[in-house]
C-alpha atoms as a PDB file:
ATOM      1  CA  MET A   1      -1.984  15.048  30.032  1.00  0.00           C
ATOM      2  CA  SER A   2       0.939  13.700  32.015  1.00  0.00           C
ATOM      3  CA  PHE A   3       1.333   9.982  32.646  1.00  0.00           C
ATOM      4  CA  ARG A   4       4.010   7.668  34.020  1.00  0.00           C
ATOM      5  CA  ARG A   5       5.055   4.512  32.229  1.00  0.00           C
ATOM      6  CA  THR A   6       5.934   2.734  35.495  1.00  0.00           C
ATOM      7  CA  LYS A   7       2.556   3.230  37.182  1.00  0.00           C
ATOM      8  CA  PHE A   8      -0.208   0.612  37.420  1.00  0.00           C
ATOM      9  CA  TYR A   9      -3.210   1.379  35.202  1.00  0.00           C
ATOM     10  CA  ARG A  10      -6.422  -0.545  34.587  1.00  0.00           C
ATOM     11  CA  ASP A  11      -6.614  -1.726  30.992  1.00  0.00           C
ATOM     12  CA  LYS A  12     -10.313  -1.468  30.193  1.00  0.00           C
ATOM     13  CA  TYR A  13      -9.693  -2.040  26.477  1.00  0.00           C
ATOM     14  CA  HIS A  14      -8.356  -5.575  27.085  1.00  0.00           C
ATOM     15  CA  GLY A  15     -10.361  -6.174  30.275  1.00  0.00           C
ATOM     16  CA  LYS A  16     -13.491  -8.228  30.791  1.00  0.00           C
ATOM     17  CA  ILE A  17     -15.153  -6.532  33.767  1.00  0.00           C
ATOM     18  CA  LEU A  18     -13.203  -3.493  34.990  1.00  0.00           C
ATOM     19  CA  GLY A  19      -9.771  -4.194  33.478  1.00  0.00           C
ATOM     20  CA  VAL A  20      -7.926  -4.973  36.720  1.00  0.00           C
ATOM     21  CA  CYS A  21      -6.580  -8.372  35.621  1.00  0.00           C
ATOM     22  CA  ALA A  22      -5.588  -6.930  32.227  1.00  0.00           C
ATOM     23  CA  GLY A  23      -3.822  -4.084  34.025  1.00  0.00           C
ATOM     24  CA  ILE A  24      -1.948  -6.511  36.269  1.00  0.00           C
ATOM     25  CA  ALA A  25      -0.956  -8.569  33.226  1.00  0.00           C
ATOM     26  CA  ASP A  26       0.245  -5.456  31.394  1.00  0.00           C
ATOM     27  CA  TYR A  27       2.142  -4.232  34.452  1.00  0.00           C
ATOM     28  CA  THR A  28       3.936  -7.519  35.129  1.00  0.00           C
ATOM     29  CA  GLY A  29       4.295  -8.852  31.586  1.00  0.00           C
ATOM     30  CA  LEU A  30       2.291 -12.008  32.298  1.00  0.00           C
ATOM     31  CA  ASP A  31      -0.383 -13.334  29.976  1.00  0.00           C
ATOM     32  CA  VAL A  32      -3.789 -11.924  30.887  1.00  0.00           C
ATOM     33  CA  THR A  33      -5.349 -15.409  30.815  1.00  0.00           C
ATOM     34  CA  VAL A  34      -2.887 -16.612  33.469  1.00  0.00           C
ATOM     35  CA  VAL A  35      -3.741 -13.650  35.707  1.00  0.00           C
ATOM     36  CA  ARG A  36      -7.466 -14.298  35.308  1.00  0.00           C
ATOM     37  CA  ILE A  37      -7.084 -18.013  36.073  1.00  0.00           C
ATOM     38  CA  LEU A  38      -4.978 -17.249  39.162  1.00  0.00           C
ATOM     39  CA  THR A  39      -7.611 -14.776  40.351  1.00  0.00           C
ATOM     40  CA  VAL A  40     -10.429 -17.295  39.927  1.00  0.00           C
ATOM     41  CA  VAL A  41      -8.404 -20.065  41.602  1.00  0.00           C
ATOM     42  CA  ALA A  42      -7.524 -17.783  44.532  1.00  0.00           C
ATOM     43  CA  THR A  43     -11.183 -16.900  44.890  1.00  0.00           C
ATOM     44  CA  LEU A  44     -12.335 -20.535  44.790  1.00  0.00           C
ATOM     45  CA  ILE A  45      -9.614 -21.858  47.114  1.00  0.00           C
ATOM     46  CA  GLY A  46     -10.759 -19.778  50.010  1.00  0.00           C
ATOM     47  CA  GLY A  47     -10.216 -16.112  49.417  1.00  0.00           C
ATOM     48  CA  PHE A  48     -13.777 -15.527  48.247  1.00  0.00           C
ATOM     49  CA  PRO A  49     -14.741 -12.309  49.917  1.00  0.00           C
ATOM     50  CA  TRP A  50     -11.226 -10.875  50.040  1.00  0.00           C
ATOM     51  CA  THR A  51     -10.285 -11.324  46.396  1.00  0.00           C
ATOM     52  CA  VAL A  52     -13.554  -9.778  45.261  1.00  0.00           C
ATOM     53  CA  ILE A  53     -13.111  -6.877  47.688  1.00  0.00           C
ATOM     54  CA  ALA A  54      -9.481  -6.435  46.573  1.00  0.00           C
ATOM     55  CA  TYR A  55     -10.556  -6.474  42.916  1.00  0.00           C
ATOM     56  CA  PHE A  56     -13.150  -3.726  43.347  1.00  0.00           C
ATOM     57  CA  VAL A  57     -10.925  -1.622  45.629  1.00  0.00           C
ATOM     58  CA  THR A  58      -8.128  -1.850  43.051  1.00  0.00           C
ATOM     59  CA  ALA A  59     -10.571  -0.846  40.310  1.00  0.00           C
ATOM     60  CA  TRP A  60     -11.773   2.080  42.402  1.00  0.00           C
ATOM     61  CA  LEU A  61      -8.278   3.337  43.330  1.00  0.00           C
ATOM     62  CA  SER A  62      -6.507   2.888  40.000  1.00  0.00           C
ATOM     63  CA  GLU A  63      -6.758   5.026  36.887  1.00  0.00           C
ATOM     64  CA  ASN A  64      -7.618   3.970  33.358  1.00  0.00           C
ATOM     65  CA  LYS A  65      -4.683   3.321  31.046  1.00  0.00           C
ATOM     66  CA  PRO A  66      -3.955   6.436  28.945  1.00  0.00           C
ATOM     67  CA  PHE A  67      -4.439   6.103  25.204  1.00  0.00           C
ATOM     68  CA  GLU A  68      -0.794   7.074  24.578  1.00  0.00           C
ATOM     69  CA  LEU A  69       0.386   3.963  26.425  1.00  0.00           C
ATOM     70  CA  SER A  70      -1.925   1.756  24.377  1.00  0.00           C
ATOM     71  CA  GLU A  71      -0.153   2.839  21.188  1.00  0.00           C
ATOM     72  CA  MET A  72       3.296   1.544  22.232  1.00  0.00           C
ATOM     73  CA  ASP A  73       4.886  -1.146  20.082  1.00  0.00           C
ATOM     74  CA  GLY A  74       5.918  -4.541  21.443  1.00  0.00           C
ATOM     75  CA  ASP A  75       9.595  -3.732  22.094  1.00  0.00           C
ATOM     76  CA  GLU A  76       8.759  -0.575  24.007  1.00  0.00           C
ATOM     77  CA  THR A  77       6.105  -2.390  26.037  1.00  0.00           C
ATOM     78  CA  ARG A  78       8.550  -5.175  26.969  1.00  0.00           C
ATOM     79  CA  PHE A  79      11.199  -2.600  27.930  1.00  0.00           C
ATOM     80  CA  TRP A  80       8.862  -0.766  30.318  1.00  0.00           C
ATOM     81  CA  GLN A  81       7.601  -4.043  31.795  1.00  0.00           C
ATOM     82  CA  GLY A  82      11.219  -4.911  32.516  1.00  0.00           C
ATOM     83  CA  VAL A  83      11.760  -1.533  34.134  1.00  0.00           C
ATOM     84  CA  ARG A  84       8.722  -2.066  36.373  1.00  0.00           C
ATOM     85  CA  THR A  85       9.616  -5.596  37.436  1.00  0.00           C
ATOM     86  CA  LYS A  86      13.445  -5.395  37.552  1.00  0.00           C
ATOM     87  CA  PRO A  87      14.603  -1.764  37.526  1.00  0.00           C
ATOM     88  CA  ARG A  88      18.219  -2.522  38.455  1.00  0.00           C
ATOM     89  CA  VAL A  89      18.622  -5.043  35.638  1.00  0.00           C
ATOM     90  CA  SER A  90      17.105  -2.590  33.155  1.00  0.00           C
ATOM     91  CA  LEU A  91      19.394   0.197  34.342  1.00  0.00           C
ATOM     92  CA  ARG A  92      22.452  -2.056  34.017  1.00  0.00           C
ATOM     93  CA  SER A  93      21.335  -3.083  30.529  1.00  0.00           C
ATOM     94  CA  VAL A  94      20.917   0.512  29.380  1.00  0.00           C
ATOM     95  CA  LYS A  95      24.262   1.500  30.931  1.00  0.00           C
ATOM     96  CA  GLY A  96      25.934  -1.426  29.174  1.00  0.00           C
ATOM     97  CA  ARG A  97      24.456  -0.429  25.821  1.00  0.00           C
ATOM     98  CA  PHE A  98      25.606   3.169  26.236  1.00  0.00           C
ATOM     99  CA  ARG A  99      29.069   2.001  27.338  1.00  0.00           C
ATOM    100  CA  ASP A 100      29.310  -0.201  24.238  1.00  0.00           C
ATOM    101  CA  MET A 101      28.169   2.640  21.952  1.00  0.00           C
ATOM    102  CA  ASN A 102      30.641   5.018  23.591  1.00  0.00           C
ATOM    103  CA  HIS A 103      33.456   2.510  23.084  1.00  0.00           C
ATOM    104  CA  ARG A 104      32.593   2.046  19.403  1.00  0.00           C
ATOM    105  CA  LEU A 105      32.333   5.811  18.856  1.00  0.00           C
ATOM    106  CA  ALA A 106      35.714   6.310  20.519  1.00  0.00           C
ATOM    107  CA  LYS A 107      37.233   3.761  18.100  1.00  0.00           C
ATOM    108  CA  VAL A 108      35.680   5.549  15.120  1.00  0.00           C
ATOM    109  CA  GLU A 109      36.895   8.918  16.378  1.00  0.00           C
ATOM    110  CA  THR A 110      40.396   7.574  16.934  1.00  0.00           C
ATOM    111  CA  TYR A 111      40.459   6.087  13.451  1.00  0.00           C
ATOM    112  CA  ILE A 112      39.225   9.258  11.779  1.00  0.00           C
ATOM    113  CA  THR A 113      41.401  11.713  13.683  1.00  0.00           C
ATOM    114  CA  SER A 114      44.586   9.624  13.396  1.00  0.00           C
ATOM    115  CA  GLN A 115      47.356  10.609  11.039  1.00  0.00           C
ATOM    116  CA  ASP A 116      46.566   7.763   8.677  1.00  0.00           C
ATOM    117  CA  ARG A 117      47.840   8.860   5.278  1.00  0.00           C
ATOM    118  CA  ARG A 118      46.012   6.035   3.523  1.00  0.00           C
ATOM    119  CA  LEU A 119      42.677   7.294   4.859  1.00  0.00           C
ATOM    120  CA  ALA A 120      43.489  10.873   3.883  1.00  0.00           C
ATOM    121  CA  LYS A 121      44.364   9.695   0.381  1.00  0.00           C
ATOM    122  CA  GLU A 122      41.073   7.766   0.075  1.00  0.00           C
ATOM    123  CA  ILE A 123      39.127  10.859   1.199  1.00  0.00           C
ATOM    124  CA  ASP A 124      40.964  13.028  -1.338  1.00  0.00           C
ATOM    125  CA  ASN A 125      40.201  10.505  -4.091  1.00  0.00           C
ATOM    126  CA  LEU A 126      36.489  10.770  -3.240  1.00  0.00           C
ATOM    127  CA  ARG A 127      36.469  14.513  -3.867  1.00  0.00           C
END
């Protein structure tokens, strides 16, 4: 089964009725209680028929969260939430990490491939 980590899914496992609020919380990285309170407040303030209609339409149009996504650890979940909410920042962060790793590997390679007699002597002593 193919699934996308950046797509909105209903989270019926953590949901109360149909899992829409839990899915929104998982998608955005907000606490599910905050999303539920905001939904109730929006309904009570004056959006009564429209928030209920939007809730059921969202439940009808969205898919259930795949089991594979439920098994992710906390760091991986936070990473994908960041990708969904701020893709450019996430891309810059990943590029920066790779740039840093590349720089460190280049230093190691330069050190190892240099004509450092002291290093060669230490390696020969290890044999």
